[in-house]
Amino acid sequence: MSALFRFPISSGVTKATAKQQMLKQLICSNAPEEALRYRGFTMIAGVDEVGRGALFGPVVAAAVILPKAVTGLANAGLKDSKQMTAEDRQHLDRRVRKTAIAISIAAIDAGTIDRINIYQASRLAMLEAVRGLPVAPDHLIIDAMRIDHPCAQTKLIYGDALCLSVAAASVIAKVHRDAMMRELDALHPEYGLASHKGYGTPEHHRALARHGPTPLHRRSFAPIRAFYPEDPVPEQLDLEEILFTAEDLETSPVE
């Protein structure tokens, strides 16, 4: 891995913990948008998804076009939704909705995820979110990938931690998906969806062992796949290789 994305790991600290520590040190700003405005772009949409690693429910993406003046959002602490409390996300969700020029949200269900794989489903959710924008963007800043859209695009590694419009999309998508999980918790109260939001927590695994999966669980994901031995084994994807290709790691994170 390139030195650009290498960070020291202290003894006794897992790679996941070290990565979270590194992400907390990144500064989220509108510098990527300003660089694009200097090149003549004006309607710049940040795009991000949430729920990729969940065992249950859809993957959700949002696209957000922010105005040039975003000092209020920056001062309010807008950043990667994973680095915020639920209360802070709710607050920033309201601020983004009040400030944004345009917002669009799209969800891809578990059945489609199983059919086309989670990576392609994430790209599809992002594409549908961009297509749903009421204002046409002239450039997209996407967290760590590109989508099949004719608009000019920047694939920004750690975009939700570095770019305000991508962070705004991550907050909008996260708050929306969490609300969906709370609603679905009323239909499936035995799984604890309101607390873990469909991710593979010990509580969720215990519920699966007791009750088995619902139709909204992702059958292609390993813990659920064990309940359906007759299903074909899906193509295995190395998400780290997908998100951090050799080409990406040899160049600047902003293209």
C-alpha atoms as a PDB file:
ATOM      1  CA  MET A   1       0.000   0.000   0.000  1.00  0.00           C
ATOM      2  CA  SER A   2       1.238   3.477  -0.843  1.00  0.00           C
ATOM      3  CA  ALA A   3       2.668   5.657   1.916  1.00  0.00           C
ATOM      4  CA  LEU A   4      -0.191   8.034   1.150  1.00  0.00           C
ATOM      5  CA  PHE A   5      -2.571   5.705   2.994  1.00  0.00           C
ATOM      6  CA  ARG A   6      -0.145   4.084   5.432  1.00  0.00           C
ATOM      7  CA  PHE A   7      -0.423   5.056   9.069  1.00  0.00           C
ATOM      8  CA  PRO A   8       1.372   3.667  12.123  1.00  0.00           C
ATOM      9  CA  ILE A   9      -0.406   1.029  14.178  1.00  0.00           C
ATOM     10  CA  SER A  10       0.469   1.029  17.871  1.00  0.00           C
ATOM     11  CA  SER A  11       1.100  -2.251  19.607  1.00  0.00           C
ATOM     12  CA  GLY A  12      -2.157  -3.804  20.785  1.00  0.00           C
ATOM     13  CA  VAL A  13      -4.324  -1.649  18.492  1.00  0.00           C
ATOM     14  CA  THR A  14      -6.239  -3.323  15.675  1.00  0.00           C
ATOM     15  CA  LYS A  15      -6.008  -2.040  12.121  1.00  0.00           C
ATOM     16  CA  ALA A  16      -9.680  -1.024  12.283  1.00  0.00           C
ATOM     17  CA  THR A  17      -9.086   1.030  15.432  1.00  0.00           C
ATOM     18  CA  ALA A  18      -5.968   2.604  13.972  1.00  0.00           C
ATOM     19  CA  LYS A  19      -7.884   3.544  10.833  1.00  0.00           C
ATOM     20  CA  GLN A  20     -10.613   5.209  12.893  1.00  0.00           C
ATOM     21  CA  GLN A  21      -7.969   7.153  14.793  1.00  0.00           C
ATOM     22  CA  MET A  22      -6.454   8.294  11.520  1.00  0.00           C
ATOM     23  CA  LEU A  23      -9.829   9.327  10.074  1.00  0.00           C
ATOM     24  CA  LYS A  24     -10.560  11.482  13.118  1.00  0.00           C
ATOM     25  CA  GLN A  25      -7.456  13.525  12.326  1.00  0.00           C
ATOM     26  CA  LEU A  26      -8.557  14.381   8.781  1.00  0.00           C
ATOM     27  CA  ILE A  27     -10.003  17.839   8.153  1.00  0.00           C
ATOM     28  CA  CYS A  28     -13.336  17.999   6.330  1.00  0.00           C
ATOM     29  CA  SER A  29     -13.571  21.148   4.193  1.00  0.00           C
ATOM     30  CA  ASN A  30     -14.859  22.524   0.915  1.00  0.00           C
ATOM     31  CA  ALA A  31     -11.356  22.563  -0.619  1.00  0.00           C
ATOM     32  CA  PRO A  32     -12.241  19.865  -3.199  1.00  0.00           C
ATOM     33  CA  GLU A  33     -15.309  21.847  -4.304  1.00  0.00           C
ATOM     34  CA  GLU A  34     -13.313  25.084  -4.477  1.00  0.00           C
ATOM     35  CA  ALA A  35     -10.676  23.420  -6.635  1.00  0.00           C
ATOM     36  CA  LEU A  36     -13.408  22.311  -9.033  1.00  0.00           C
ATOM     37  CA  ARG A  37     -15.031  25.761  -9.040  1.00  0.00           C
ATOM     38  CA  TYR A  38     -11.659  27.194 -10.039  1.00  0.00           C
ATOM     39  CA  ARG A  39     -11.873  24.907 -13.088  1.00  0.00           C
ATOM     40  CA  GLY A  40     -15.330  26.255 -13.947  1.00  0.00           C
ATOM     41  CA  PHE A  41     -17.710  23.751 -12.354  1.00  0.00           C
ATOM     42  CA  THR A  42     -20.634  25.168 -10.395  1.00  0.00           C
ATOM     43  CA  MET A  43     -23.178  22.446  -9.553  1.00  0.00           C
ATOM     44  CA  ILE A  44     -20.976  19.985  -7.680  1.00  0.00           C
ATOM     45  CA  ALA A  45     -22.705  17.013  -6.091  1.00  0.00           C
ATOM     46  CA  GLY A  46     -21.189  15.020  -3.255  1.00  0.00           C
ATOM     47  CA  VAL A  47     -22.224  11.353  -3.348  1.00  0.00           C
ATOM     48  CA  ASP A  48     -21.907   8.660  -0.680  1.00  0.00           C
ATOM     49  CA  GLU A  49     -23.570   5.427   0.472  1.00  0.00           C
ATOM     50  CA  VAL A  50     -24.278   3.724   3.784  1.00  0.00           C
ATOM     51  CA  GLY A  51     -25.213   0.197   4.782  1.00  0.00           C
ATOM     52  CA  ARG A  52     -22.739  -1.664   2.603  1.00  0.00           C
ATOM     53  CA  GLY A  53     -21.635  -3.955   5.413  1.00  0.00           C
ATOM     54  CA  ALA A  54     -25.058  -4.620   6.943  1.00  0.00           C
ATOM     55  CA  LEU A  55     -26.610  -8.087   6.919  1.00  0.00           C
ATOM     56  CA  PHE A  56     -30.155  -6.757   6.638  1.00  0.00           C
ATOM     57  CA  GLY A  57     -31.971  -4.265   4.474  1.00  0.00           C
ATOM     58  CA  PRO A  58     -30.997  -1.939   1.656  1.00  0.00           C
ATOM     59  CA  VAL A  59     -27.870  -0.028   0.824  1.00  0.00           C
ATOM     60  CA  VAL A  60     -28.751   3.673   0.712  1.00  0.00           C
ATOM     61  CA  ALA A  61     -27.012   6.481  -1.171  1.00  0.00           C
ATOM     62  CA  ALA A  62     -27.469  10.239  -1.212  1.00  0.00           C
ATOM     63  CA  ALA A  63     -26.343  12.984  -3.564  1.00  0.00           C
ATOM     64  CA  VAL A  64     -26.109  16.551  -2.249  1.00  0.00           C
ATOM     65  CA  ILE A  65     -25.332  19.825  -4.016  1.00  0.00           C
ATOM     66  CA  LEU A  66     -24.242  22.484  -1.544  1.00  0.00           C
ATOM     67  CA  PRO A  67     -24.003  26.221  -2.203  1.00  0.00           C
ATOM     68  CA  LYS A  68     -20.641  27.957  -2.360  1.00  0.00           C
ATOM     69  CA  ALA A  69     -21.103  29.427   1.109  1.00  0.00           C
ATOM     70  CA  VAL A  70     -20.881  26.509   3.564  1.00  0.00           C
ATOM     71  CA  THR A  71     -19.178  28.146   6.535  1.00  0.00           C
ATOM     72  CA  GLY A  72     -22.220  27.457   8.717  1.00  0.00           C
ATOM     73  CA  LEU A  73     -22.111  23.736   7.984  1.00  0.00           C
ATOM     74  CA  ALA A  74     -18.367  23.567   8.559  1.00  0.00           C
ATOM     75  CA  ASN A  75     -18.662  25.430  11.855  1.00  0.00           C
ATOM     76  CA  ALA A  76     -21.527  23.140  12.889  1.00  0.00           C
ATOM     77  CA  GLY A  77     -19.162  20.173  12.667  1.00  0.00           C
ATOM     78  CA  LEU A  78     -20.209  18.530   9.398  1.00  0.00           C
ATOM     79  CA  LYS A  79     -17.967  15.520   8.753  1.00  0.00           C
ATOM     80  CA  ASP A  80     -18.105  11.801   8.029  1.00  0.00           C
ATOM     81  CA  SER A  81     -21.345  10.477   9.517  1.00  0.00           C
ATOM     82  CA  LYS A  82     -19.481   7.508  11.041  1.00  0.00           C
ATOM     83  CA  GLN A  83     -17.510   9.939  13.212  1.00  0.00           C
ATOM     84  CA  MET A  84     -20.658  11.572  14.654  1.00  0.00           C
ATOM     85  CA  THR A  85     -23.165  10.700  17.334  1.00  0.00           C
ATOM     86  CA  ALA A  86     -26.764   9.962  16.340  1.00  0.00           C
ATOM     87  CA  GLU A  87     -27.832  13.276  17.887  1.00  0.00           C
ATOM     88  CA  ASP A  88     -25.215  15.205  15.919  1.00  0.00           C
ATOM     89  CA  ARG A  89     -26.243  13.436  12.704  1.00  0.00           C
ATOM     90  CA  GLN A  90     -29.867  14.417  13.234  1.00  0.00           C
ATOM     91  CA  HIS A  91     -28.825  18.031  13.823  1.00  0.00           C
ATOM     92  CA  LEU A  92     -26.584  18.140  10.746  1.00  0.00           C
ATOM     93  CA  ASP A  93     -29.242  16.391   8.650  1.00  0.00           C
ATOM     94  CA  ARG A  94     -31.584  19.295   9.362  1.00  0.00           C
ATOM     95  CA  ARG A  95     -28.861  21.857   8.666  1.00  0.00           C
ATOM     96  CA  VAL A  96     -27.910  20.235   5.369  1.00  0.00           C
ATOM     97  CA  ARG A  97     -31.533  20.016   4.237  1.00  0.00           C
ATOM     98  CA  LYS A  98     -32.013  23.704   5.018  1.00  0.00           C
ATOM     99  CA  THR A  99     -28.802  24.747   3.251  1.00  0.00           C
ATOM    100  CA  ALA A 100     -28.489  22.451   0.229  1.00  0.00           C
ATOM    101  CA  ILE A 101     -29.376  23.449  -3.310  1.00  0.00           C
ATOM    102  CA  ALA A 102     -30.512  19.893  -4.061  1.00  0.00           C
ATOM    103  CA  ILE A 103     -30.735  16.518  -2.307  1.00  0.00           C
ATOM    104  CA  SER A 104     -31.622  13.058  -3.594  1.00  0.00           C
ATOM    105  CA  ILE A 105     -31.745   9.671  -1.843  1.00  0.00           C
ATOM    106  CA  ALA A 106     -31.913   6.184  -3.368  1.00  0.00           C
ATOM    107  CA  ALA A 107     -32.094   2.697  -1.844  1.00  0.00           C
ATOM    108  CA  ILE A 108     -31.273  -0.678  -3.388  1.00  0.00           C
ATOM    109  CA  ASP A 109     -33.005  -3.619  -1.712  1.00  0.00           C
ATOM    110  CA  ALA A 110     -31.515  -6.831  -0.357  1.00  0.00           C
ATOM    111  CA  GLY A 111     -32.793  -8.913  -3.280  1.00  0.00           C
ATOM    112  CA  THR A 112     -30.950  -6.743  -5.780  1.00  0.00           C
ATOM    113  CA  ILE A 113     -27.834  -6.787  -3.608  1.00  0.00           C
ATOM    114  CA  ASP A 114     -27.922 -10.587  -3.698  1.00  0.00           C
ATOM    115  CA  ARG A 115     -28.413 -10.602  -7.454  1.00  0.00           C
ATOM    116  CA  ILE A 116     -25.703  -8.135  -8.540  1.00  0.00           C
ATOM    117  CA  ASN A 117     -23.379  -8.097  -5.442  1.00  0.00           C
ATOM    118  CA  ILE A 118     -22.961  -5.352  -2.862  1.00  0.00           C
ATOM    119  CA  TYR A 119     -20.317  -3.392  -4.751  1.00  0.00           C
ATOM    120  CA  GLN A 120     -22.484  -3.033  -7.855  1.00  0.00           C
ATOM    121  CA  ALA A 121     -25.553  -2.361  -5.704  1.00  0.00           C
ATOM    122  CA  SER A 122     -23.684   0.480  -3.979  1.00  0.00           C
ATOM    123  CA  ARG A 123     -22.760   1.957  -7.363  1.00  0.00           C
ATOM    124  CA  LEU A 124     -26.364   1.583  -8.520  1.00  0.00           C
ATOM    125  CA  ALA A 125     -27.690   3.343  -5.404  1.00  0.00           C
ATOM    126  CA  MET A 126     -25.293   6.220  -6.048  1.00  0.00           C
ATOM    127  CA  LEU A 127     -26.297   6.391  -9.711  1.00  0.00           C
ATOM    128  CA  GLU A 128     -29.998   6.495  -8.839  1.00  0.00           C
ATOM    129  CA  ALA A 129     -29.366   9.191  -6.225  1.00  0.00           C
ATOM    130  CA  VAL A 130     -27.577  11.356  -8.806  1.00  0.00           C
ATOM    131  CA  ARG A 131     -30.318  10.753 -11.371  1.00  0.00           C
ATOM    132  CA  GLY A 132     -32.893  11.844  -8.806  1.00  0.00           C
ATOM    133  CA  LEU A 133     -31.370  15.268  -8.204  1.00  0.00           C
ATOM    134  CA  PRO A 134     -33.840  18.016  -9.169  1.00  0.00           C
ATOM    135  CA  VAL A 135     -30.899  20.120 -10.365  1.00  0.00           C
ATOM    136  CA  ALA A 136     -28.464  18.669 -12.893  1.00  0.00           C
ATOM    137  CA  PRO A 137     -24.909  18.503 -11.517  1.00  0.00           C
ATOM    138  CA  ASP A 138     -21.900  19.314 -13.673  1.00  0.00           C
ATOM    139  CA  HIS A 139     -19.413  17.404 -11.502  1.00  0.00           C
ATOM    140  CA  LEU A 140     -19.626  14.566  -8.993  1.00  0.00           C
ATOM    141  CA  ILE A 141     -17.346  13.959  -6.030  1.00  0.00           C
ATOM    142  CA  ILE A 142     -17.806  10.327  -5.022  1.00  0.00           C
ATOM    143  CA  ASP A 143     -16.423   8.528  -2.020  1.00  0.00           C
ATOM    144  CA  ALA A 144     -13.862   6.043  -3.394  1.00  0.00           C
ATOM    145  CA  MET A 145     -15.536   4.982  -6.639  1.00  0.00           C
ATOM    146  CA  ARG A 146     -17.014   6.042  -9.960  1.00  0.00           C
ATOM    147  CA  ILE A 147     -20.470   5.406 -11.378  1.00  0.00           C
ATOM    148  CA  ASP A 148     -21.898   4.909 -14.874  1.00  0.00           C
ATOM    149  CA  HIS A 149     -22.990   8.507 -15.365  1.00  0.00           C
ATOM    150  CA  PRO A 150     -21.858  10.898 -18.106  1.00  0.00           C
ATOM    151  CA  CYS A 151     -21.159  13.718 -15.634  1.00  0.00           C
ATOM    152  CA  ALA A 152     -17.517  14.551 -14.882  1.00  0.00           C
ATOM    153  CA  GLN A 153     -16.418  12.745 -11.726  1.00  0.00           C
ATOM    154  CA  THR A 154     -13.765  12.854  -9.025  1.00  0.00           C
ATOM    155  CA  LYS A 155     -13.159   9.653  -7.061  1.00  0.00           C
ATOM    156  CA  LEU A 156     -11.972  10.866  -3.661  1.00  0.00           C
ATOM    157  CA  ILE A 157     -10.488   8.381  -1.211  1.00  0.00           C
ATOM    158  CA  TYR A 158     -11.904   9.058   2.287  1.00  0.00           C
ATOM    159  CA  GLY A 159     -14.176  11.593   0.625  1.00  0.00           C
ATOM    160  CA  ASP A 160     -16.686  11.609   3.478  1.00  0.00           C
ATOM    161  CA  ALA A 161     -13.902  12.634   5.869  1.00  0.00           C
ATOM    162  CA  LEU A 162     -12.322  15.247   3.564  1.00  0.00           C
ATOM    163  CA  CYS A 163     -15.090  16.873   1.511  1.00  0.00           C
ATOM    164  CA  LEU A 164     -18.097  18.731   2.913  1.00  0.00           C
ATOM    165  CA  SER A 165     -20.506  17.809   0.121  1.00  0.00           C
ATOM    166  CA  VAL A 166     -19.627  14.109   0.411  1.00  0.00           C
ATOM    167  CA  ALA A 167     -19.916  14.342   4.203  1.00  0.00           C
ATOM    168  CA  ALA A 168     -23.340  15.933   3.732  1.00  0.00           C
ATOM    169  CA  ALA A 169     -24.366  13.001   1.522  1.00  0.00           C
ATOM    170  CA  SER A 170     -23.112  10.533   4.122  1.00  0.00           C
ATOM    171  CA  VAL A 171     -25.173  12.218   6.854  1.00  0.00           C
ATOM    172  CA  ILE A 172     -28.330  12.393   4.733  1.00  0.00           C
ATOM    173  CA  ALA A 173     -27.994   8.736   3.700  1.00  0.00           C
ATOM    174  CA  LYS A 174     -27.188   7.543   7.219  1.00  0.00           C
ATOM    175  CA  VAL A 175     -30.089   9.365   8.895  1.00  0.00           C
ATOM    176  CA  HIS A 176     -32.475   8.112   6.201  1.00  0.00           C
ATOM    177  CA  ARG A 177     -31.335   4.490   6.481  1.00  0.00           C
ATOM    178  CA  ASP A 178     -31.402   4.561  10.285  1.00  0.00           C
ATOM    179  CA  ALA A 179     -35.012   5.779  10.134  1.00  0.00           C
ATOM    180  CA  MET A 180     -35.838   2.899   7.788  1.00  0.00           C
ATOM    181  CA  MET A 181     -34.306   0.447  10.263  1.00  0.00           C
ATOM    182  CA  ARG A 182     -36.388   1.866  13.110  1.00  0.00           C
ATOM    183  CA  GLU A 183     -39.534   1.430  11.017  1.00  0.00           C
ATOM    184  CA  LEU A 184     -38.570  -2.144  10.111  1.00  0.00           C
ATOM    185  CA  ASP A 185     -37.846  -2.855  13.765  1.00  0.00           C
ATOM    186  CA  ALA A 186     -41.595  -2.545  14.375  1.00  0.00           C
ATOM    187  CA  LEU A 187     -42.155  -5.341  11.833  1.00  0.00           C
ATOM    188  CA  HIS A 188     -39.322  -7.536  13.108  1.00  0.00           C
ATOM    189  CA  PRO A 189     -38.876  -6.577  16.781  1.00  0.00           C
ATOM    190  CA  GLU A 190     -37.077  -9.812  17.643  1.00  0.00           C
ATOM    191  CA  TYR A 191     -33.937  -8.771  15.714  1.00  0.00           C
ATOM    192  CA  GLY A 192     -33.075  -5.489  17.469  1.00  0.00           C
ATOM    193  CA  LEU A 193     -32.831  -3.537  14.223  1.00  0.00           C
ATOM    194  CA  ALA A 194     -33.427  -0.190  15.914  1.00  0.00           C
ATOM    195  CA  SER A 195     -30.186  -0.582  17.859  1.00  0.00           C
ATOM    196  CA  HIS A 196     -27.773  -2.225  15.420  1.00  0.00           C
ATOM    197  CA  LYS A 197     -29.354  -1.028  12.140  1.00  0.00           C
ATOM    198  CA  GLY A 198     -28.925  -4.420  10.485  1.00  0.00           C
ATOM    199  CA  TYR A 199     -25.197  -4.814  11.068  1.00  0.00           C
ATOM    200  CA  GLY A 200     -23.682  -8.055  12.316  1.00  0.00           C
ATOM    201  CA  THR A 201     -23.549  -7.376  16.040  1.00  0.00           C
ATOM    202  CA  PRO A 202     -23.587 -10.219  18.606  1.00  0.00           C
ATOM    203  CA  GLU A 203     -27.214  -9.332  19.339  1.00  0.00           C
ATOM    204  CA  HIS A 204     -28.102  -9.703  15.661  1.00  0.00           C
ATOM    205  CA  HIS A 205     -26.275 -13.023  15.340  1.00  0.00           C
ATOM    206  CA  ARG A 206     -28.081 -14.381  18.404  1.00  0.00           C
ATOM    207  CA  ALA A 207     -31.426 -13.350  16.915  1.00  0.00           C
ATOM    208  CA  LEU A 208     -30.555 -15.053  13.637  1.00  0.00           C
ATOM    209  CA  ALA A 209     -29.662 -18.250  15.483  1.00  0.00           C
ATOM    210  CA  ARG A 210     -33.000 -18.199  17.308  1.00  0.00           C
ATOM    211  CA  HIS A 211     -35.330 -17.017  14.545  1.00  0.00           C
ATOM    212  CA  GLY A 212     -33.538 -17.481  11.250  1.00  0.00           C
ATOM    213  CA  PRO A 213     -33.356 -14.763   8.562  1.00  0.00           C
ATOM    214  CA  THR A 214     -36.213 -12.647   7.243  1.00  0.00           C
ATOM    215  CA  PRO A 215     -36.851 -11.982   3.529  1.00  0.00           C
ATOM    216  CA  LEU A 216     -35.031  -8.663   4.014  1.00  0.00           C
ATOM    217  CA  HIS A 217     -31.764 -10.281   5.078  1.00  0.00           C
ATOM    218  CA  ARG A 218     -29.011 -10.445   2.454  1.00  0.00           C
ATOM    219  CA  ARG A 219     -28.819 -14.108   1.460  1.00  0.00           C
ATOM    220  CA  SER A 220     -25.483 -13.656  -0.314  1.00  0.00           C
ATOM    221  CA  PHE A 221     -23.732 -12.506   2.875  1.00  0.00           C
ATOM    222  CA  ALA A 222     -21.848 -15.266   4.680  1.00  0.00           C
ATOM    223  CA  PRO A 223     -23.769 -15.370   8.009  1.00  0.00           C
ATOM    224  CA  ILE A 224     -27.094 -15.518   6.143  1.00  0.00           C
ATOM    225  CA  ARG A 225     -25.861 -17.779   3.355  1.00  0.00           C
ATOM    226  CA  ALA A 226     -25.431 -20.587   5.887  1.00  0.00           C
ATOM    227  CA  PHE A 227     -29.239 -20.779   6.121  1.00  0.00           C
ATOM    228  CA  TYR A 228     -29.514 -21.348   2.348  1.00  0.00           C
ATOM    229  CA  PRO A 229     -26.973 -24.049   1.439  1.00  0.00           C
ATOM    230  CA  GLU A 230     -28.788 -24.667  -1.850  1.00  0.00           C
ATOM    231  CA  ASP A 231     -28.018 -21.139  -3.096  1.00  0.00           C
ATOM    232  CA  PRO A 232     -25.054 -20.770  -5.473  1.00  0.00           C
ATOM    233  CA  VAL A 233     -21.960 -19.299  -3.861  1.00  0.00           C
ATOM    234  CA  PRO A 234     -21.767 -15.631  -4.943  1.00  0.00           C
ATOM    235  CA  GLU A 235     -18.684 -14.068  -6.463  1.00  0.00           C
ATOM    236  CA  GLN A 236     -16.296 -13.077  -3.694  1.00  0.00           C
ATOM    237  CA  LEU A 237     -15.227  -9.440  -3.743  1.00  0.00           C
ATOM    238  CA  ASP A 238     -12.173  -7.991  -2.050  1.00  0.00           C
ATOM    239  CA  LEU A 239     -13.560  -4.553  -1.212  1.00  0.00           C
ATOM    240  CA  GLU A 240     -10.159  -3.208  -0.171  1.00  0.00           C
ATOM    241  CA  GLU A 241      -8.754  -4.069  -3.586  1.00  0.00           C
ATOM    242  CA  ILE A 242     -11.804  -2.509  -5.246  1.00  0.00           C
ATOM    243  CA  LEU A 243     -11.630   0.704  -3.258  1.00  0.00           C
ATOM    244  CA  PHE A 244      -7.848   1.082  -3.244  1.00  0.00           C
ATOM    245  CA  THR A 245      -6.474  -0.017  -6.594  1.00  0.00           C
ATOM    246  CA  ALA A 246      -2.808   0.289  -7.485  1.00  0.00           C
ATOM    247  CA  GLU A 247      -3.676   3.156  -9.835  1.00  0.00           C
ATOM    248  CA  ASP A 248      -5.437   5.055  -7.044  1.00  0.00           C
ATOM    249  CA  LEU A 249      -2.626   4.566  -4.568  1.00  0.00           C
ATOM    250  CA  GLU A 250       0.046   5.791  -6.957  1.00  0.00           C
ATOM    251  CA  THR A 251      -1.664   9.136  -7.561  1.00  0.00           C
ATOM    252  CA  SER A 252      -3.157  11.962  -5.572  1.00  0.00           C
ATOM    253  CA  PRO A 253      -6.467  11.092  -3.856  1.00  0.00           C
ATOM    254  CA  VAL A 254      -8.103  13.995  -5.711  1.00  0.00           C
ATOM    255  CA  GLU A 255      -8.051  13.428  -9.440  1.00  0.00           C
END
